[in-house]
């Protein structure tokens, strides 16, 4: 087994959940802490010099992170995402004063084995659906934009034949799906939109609202496989 360093997460609580989800979706110890190191490692089969082993590690981590972000839209924030394009270090003014900007610590409450249930359904789902596998990989990408959310919806359309199929199976109205796709197209690129030029339409969903909507879509999609297990 080869251990690759995982991207740093902003919250220790997220690390605990990623370890738990990885153990169910793939295998126990797929993601774990390593003594004497900060952060997590992803374990895969292969040769450490083979690019395929690194690609497998990335895919596994993003899939697990995609499951976590399906559970809670605000979960699974990477350290680099928290700083949003800035480097490491303190904030300074011209007089030499410094400020260290630290995000708030987050704690999650889970009930009735909901994380384990979600992970078990995801494990079954990705074994039988390449569309779900691709969507989870996108949901686990660093610094997601509206283009990622738009493509996740496209994979759901492919999985359930059309938007009506999504409505019938996952309970998301056609109107809400239209709001998502139109907002993804018309959101400013600076705010995470997918086009440089826009028409006169107004985005009715912010990037954060799109993120919450996609989390709901993904939860319902993953839960769909419980009924088919």
Protein backbone atom coordinates (compact mmCIF):
# COMPACT_ATOMS: atom_id res chain seq x y z
CA UNK A 1 0.00 0.00 0.00
CA UNK A 2 1.19 3.50 -0.89
CA UNK A 3 0.27 6.54 1.22
CA UNK A 4 -0.18 9.92 -0.46
CA UNK A 5 -0.66 13.16 1.52
CA UNK A 6 -4.26 14.38 1.40
CA UNK A 7 -5.16 18.06 0.92
CA UNK A 8 -5.38 19.82 4.28
CA UNK A 9 -8.91 20.31 5.64
CA UNK A 10 -9.91 23.42 7.56
CA UNK A 11 -11.70 21.56 10.33
CA UNK A 12 -10.61 18.65 12.53
CA UNK A 13 -14.26 17.55 12.63
CA UNK A 14 -14.15 17.11 8.85
CA UNK A 15 -11.03 14.97 9.15
CA UNK A 16 -12.85 12.59 11.50
CA UNK A 17 -15.78 12.28 9.10
CA UNK A 18 -13.57 11.81 6.04
CA UNK A 19 -11.78 8.94 7.81
CA UNK A 20 -15.12 7.32 8.70
CA UNK A 21 -16.59 7.74 5.21
CA UNK A 22 -13.44 6.48 3.48
CA UNK A 23 -13.47 3.31 5.60
CA UNK A 24 -16.99 2.49 4.38
CA UNK A 25 -16.93 3.69 0.77
CA UNK A 26 -13.58 2.05 -0.04
CA UNK A 27 -11.90 0.08 2.77
CA UNK A 28 -10.88 0.53 6.43
CA UNK A 29 -7.72 2.62 6.62
CA UNK A 30 -8.19 4.08 3.13
CA UNK A 31 -7.75 7.52 4.74
CA UNK A 32 -6.08 7.89 8.11
CA UNK A 33 -3.83 10.02 10.25
CA UNK A 34 -0.15 9.12 10.31
CA UNK A 35 1.89 9.35 13.55
CA UNK A 36 4.12 12.39 13.68
CA UNK A 37 2.43 14.16 10.75
CA UNK A 38 -0.28 16.77 10.48
CA UNK A 39 -3.23 16.04 8.22
CA UNK A 40 -4.29 12.83 6.53
CA UNK A 41 -2.91 10.24 4.12
CA UNK A 42 -4.72 8.37 1.36
CA UNK A 43 -3.72 4.73 0.91
CA UNK A 44 -3.93 2.93 -2.44
CA UNK A 45 -2.42 -0.09 -4.17
CA UNK A 46 0.36 0.54 -6.67
CA UNK A 47 3.86 1.75 -7.37
CA UNK A 48 4.81 5.09 -5.75
CA UNK A 49 6.43 6.23 -9.03
CA UNK A 50 3.39 5.32 -11.14
CA UNK A 51 1.20 8.38 -11.95
CA UNK A 52 -1.83 6.07 -11.92
CA UNK A 53 -1.38 5.47 -8.19
CA UNK A 54 -1.45 9.20 -7.50
CA UNK A 55 -4.51 9.62 -9.73
CA UNK A 56 -6.26 6.82 -7.82
CA UNK A 57 -5.47 8.55 -4.51
CA UNK A 58 -6.90 11.83 -5.79
CA UNK A 59 -10.04 10.15 -7.09
CA UNK A 60 -10.65 8.32 -3.80
CA UNK A 61 -10.18 11.45 -1.70
CA UNK A 62 -12.41 13.61 -3.92
CA UNK A 63 -15.11 10.94 -3.94
CA UNK A 64 -15.08 10.71 -0.15
CA UNK A 65 -15.07 14.50 0.14
CA UNK A 66 -17.96 14.60 -2.34
CA UNK A 67 -19.96 12.32 -0.04
CA UNK A 68 -19.20 14.54 2.98
CA UNK A 69 -20.22 17.68 1.08
CA UNK A 70 -23.45 15.92 0.09
CA UNK A 71 -24.26 15.45 3.76
CA UNK A 72 -23.65 19.12 4.60
CA UNK A 73 -23.01 21.74 1.93
CA UNK A 74 -20.64 23.65 4.21
CA UNK A 75 -18.61 20.62 5.25
CA UNK A 76 -15.33 19.48 3.75
CA UNK A 77 -13.74 22.89 3.25
CA UNK A 78 -10.10 22.62 2.25
CA UNK A 79 -7.50 24.84 3.87
CA UNK A 80 -6.72 26.49 0.53
CA UNK A 81 -10.41 27.19 -0.06
CA UNK A 82 -10.71 28.99 3.28
CA UNK A 83 -8.03 31.44 2.21
CA UNK A 84 -9.63 31.83 -1.23
CA UNK A 85 -6.65 32.61 -3.42
CA UNK A 86 -4.40 34.11 -0.74
CA UNK A 87 -1.10 32.68 0.46
CA UNK A 88 -0.15 31.56 3.95
CA UNK A 89 0.89 33.99 6.67
CA UNK A 90 -0.45 36.95 8.60
CA UNK A 91 -2.24 40.06 7.34
CA UNK A 92 -0.15 43.23 7.79
CA UNK A 93 -0.48 46.98 7.50
CA UNK A 94 2.23 49.47 6.54
CA UNK A 95 3.09 50.11 10.17
CA UNK A 96 4.05 46.46 10.64
CA UNK A 97 0.99 45.43 12.66
CA UNK A 98 -0.06 41.83 12.02
CA UNK A 99 -3.32 39.90 12.26
CA UNK A 100 -3.77 36.17 12.07
CA UNK A 101 -7.10 35.31 10.45
CA UNK A 102 -8.48 32.05 11.81
CA UNK A 103 -11.76 30.47 10.77
CA UNK A 104 -14.23 29.38 13.46
CA UNK A 105 -14.04 25.82 14.77
CA UNK A 106 -17.01 23.73 13.66
CA UNK A 107 -18.57 20.79 15.48
CA UNK A 108 -21.17 18.52 13.92
CA UNK A 109 -23.93 16.57 15.56
CA UNK A 110 -24.80 13.26 13.92
CA UNK A 111 -27.75 11.06 14.76
CA UNK A 112 -28.68 7.44 14.19
CA UNK A 113 -25.67 6.49 12.12
CA UNK A 114 -26.60 8.93 9.34
CA UNK A 115 -23.01 9.30 8.10
CA UNK A 116 -22.51 5.54 8.02
CA UNK A 117 -25.80 5.07 6.18
CA UNK A 118 -24.95 7.76 3.62
CA UNK A 119 -21.50 6.24 3.07
CA UNK A 120 -22.91 2.71 2.67
CA UNK A 121 -25.42 3.91 0.07
CA UNK A 122 -22.67 5.83 -1.73
CA UNK A 123 -20.51 2.70 -1.79
CA UNK A 124 -23.26 0.76 -3.52
CA UNK A 125 -24.12 3.65 -5.82
CA UNK A 126 -20.64 4.20 -7.21
CA UNK A 127 -20.31 0.49 -7.92
CA UNK A 128 -23.31 0.52 -10.22
CA UNK A 129 -23.40 4.10 -11.54
CA UNK A 130 -20.53 5.84 -13.29
CA UNK A 131 -22.69 8.99 -13.36
CA UNK A 132 -22.86 9.08 -9.55
CA UNK A 133 -19.15 8.36 -9.31
CA UNK A 134 -18.41 11.30 -11.62
CA UNK A 135 -20.80 13.60 -9.76
CA UNK A 136 -19.21 12.79 -6.39
CA UNK A 137 -15.75 13.38 -7.85
CA UNK A 138 -16.89 16.82 -9.04
CA UNK A 139 -18.49 17.59 -5.68
CA UNK A 140 -15.15 16.85 -4.02
CA UNK A 141 -13.10 19.11 -6.30
CA UNK A 142 -11.16 22.00 -4.76
CA UNK A 143 -12.77 25.43 -5.13
CA UNK A 144 -15.96 24.33 -6.86
CA UNK A 145 -17.65 26.77 -9.23
CA UNK A 146 -21.05 26.95 -10.89
CA UNK A 147 -19.56 24.99 -13.81
CA UNK A 148 -19.03 22.03 -11.46
CA UNK A 149 -22.58 22.29 -10.12
CA UNK A 150 -23.97 22.56 -13.65
CA UNK A 151 -22.09 19.41 -14.69
CA UNK A 152 -23.26 17.50 -11.60
CA UNK A 153 -26.81 18.30 -12.67
CA UNK A 154 -25.98 17.11 -16.20
CA UNK A 155 -24.82 13.76 -14.82
CA UNK A 156 -28.08 13.49 -12.87
CA UNK A 157 -30.03 14.23 -16.07
CA UNK A 158 -28.11 11.43 -17.79
CA UNK A 159 -28.75 9.07 -14.88
CA UNK A 160 -32.50 9.71 -14.70
CA UNK A 161 -33.07 10.38 -18.42
CA UNK A 162 -34.20 14.02 -18.10
CA UNK A 163 -35.24 16.73 -15.63
CA UNK A 164 -38.64 15.10 -15.24
CA UNK A 165 -36.91 11.90 -14.21
CA UNK A 166 -34.99 13.83 -11.55
CA UNK A 167 -38.25 15.33 -10.29
CA UNK A 168 -39.98 11.95 -10.16
CA UNK A 169 -37.08 10.11 -8.51
CA UNK A 170 -35.38 12.71 -6.33
CA UNK A 171 -38.25 15.09 -5.63
CA UNK A 172 -36.60 18.22 -7.07
CA UNK A 173 -38.99 20.33 -9.08
CA UNK A 174 -38.31 21.24 -12.70
CA UNK A 175 -38.59 24.91 -11.72
CA UNK A 176 -35.85 24.60 -9.10
CA UNK A 177 -33.61 22.74 -11.54
CA UNK A 178 -34.13 25.51 -14.08
CA UNK A 179 -33.18 28.10 -11.45
CA UNK A 180 -29.96 26.23 -10.82
CA UNK A 181 -28.90 25.93 -14.45
CA UNK A 182 -29.90 29.48 -15.38
CA UNK A 183 -28.10 30.87 -12.33
CA UNK A 184 -24.98 28.87 -13.19
CA UNK A 185 -25.04 30.41 -16.66
CA UNK A 186 -25.75 33.98 -15.54
CA UNK A 187 -23.77 34.31 -12.34
CA UNK A 188 -20.81 36.66 -12.69
CA UNK A 189 -17.53 34.83 -13.42
CA UNK A 190 -16.05 36.66 -10.42
CA UNK A 191 -18.75 35.02 -8.31
CA UNK A 192 -18.10 31.55 -9.75
CA UNK A 193 -20.25 31.61 -12.90
CA UNK A 194 -19.49 29.49 -15.95
CA UNK A 195 -19.54 32.04 -18.81
CA UNK A 196 -17.50 35.18 -19.48
CA UNK A 197 -20.40 36.89 -21.27
CA UNK A 198 -24.00 36.87 -20.09
CA UNK A 199 -27.36 37.86 -21.46
CA UNK A 200 -29.72 40.09 -19.49
CA UNK A 201 -30.96 37.27 -17.26
CA UNK A 202 -30.34 37.61 -13.53
CA UNK A 203 -28.91 34.77 -11.44
CA UNK A 204 -31.51 33.96 -8.79
CA UNK A 205 -29.18 31.61 -6.89
CA UNK A 206 -25.87 32.70 -5.42
CA UNK A 207 -22.94 30.30 -5.58
CA UNK A 208 -23.61 29.37 -1.94
CA UNK A 209 -27.27 28.62 -2.70
CA UNK A 210 -26.24 26.51 -5.68
CA UNK A 211 -23.89 24.60 -3.37
CA UNK A 212 -26.75 23.91 -0.94
CA UNK A 213 -29.04 22.82 -3.79
CA UNK A 214 -26.44 20.42 -5.18
CA UNK A 215 -25.88 18.95 -1.70
CA UNK A 216 -29.61 18.21 -1.51
CA UNK A 217 -29.58 16.69 -5.01
CA UNK A 218 -26.60 14.51 -4.11
CA UNK A 219 -28.13 13.35 -0.81
CA UNK A 220 -31.32 12.31 -2.57
CA UNK A 221 -29.35 10.66 -5.37
CA UNK A 222 -27.20 8.65 -2.94
CA UNK A 223 -30.30 7.68 -0.92
CA UNK A 224 -31.85 6.34 -4.13
CA UNK A 225 -29.47 3.39 -3.93
CA UNK A 226 -30.72 2.32 -0.51
CA UNK A 227 -33.98 1.28 -2.13
CA UNK A 228 -32.13 -0.63 -4.82
CA UNK A 229 -29.58 -2.35 -2.58
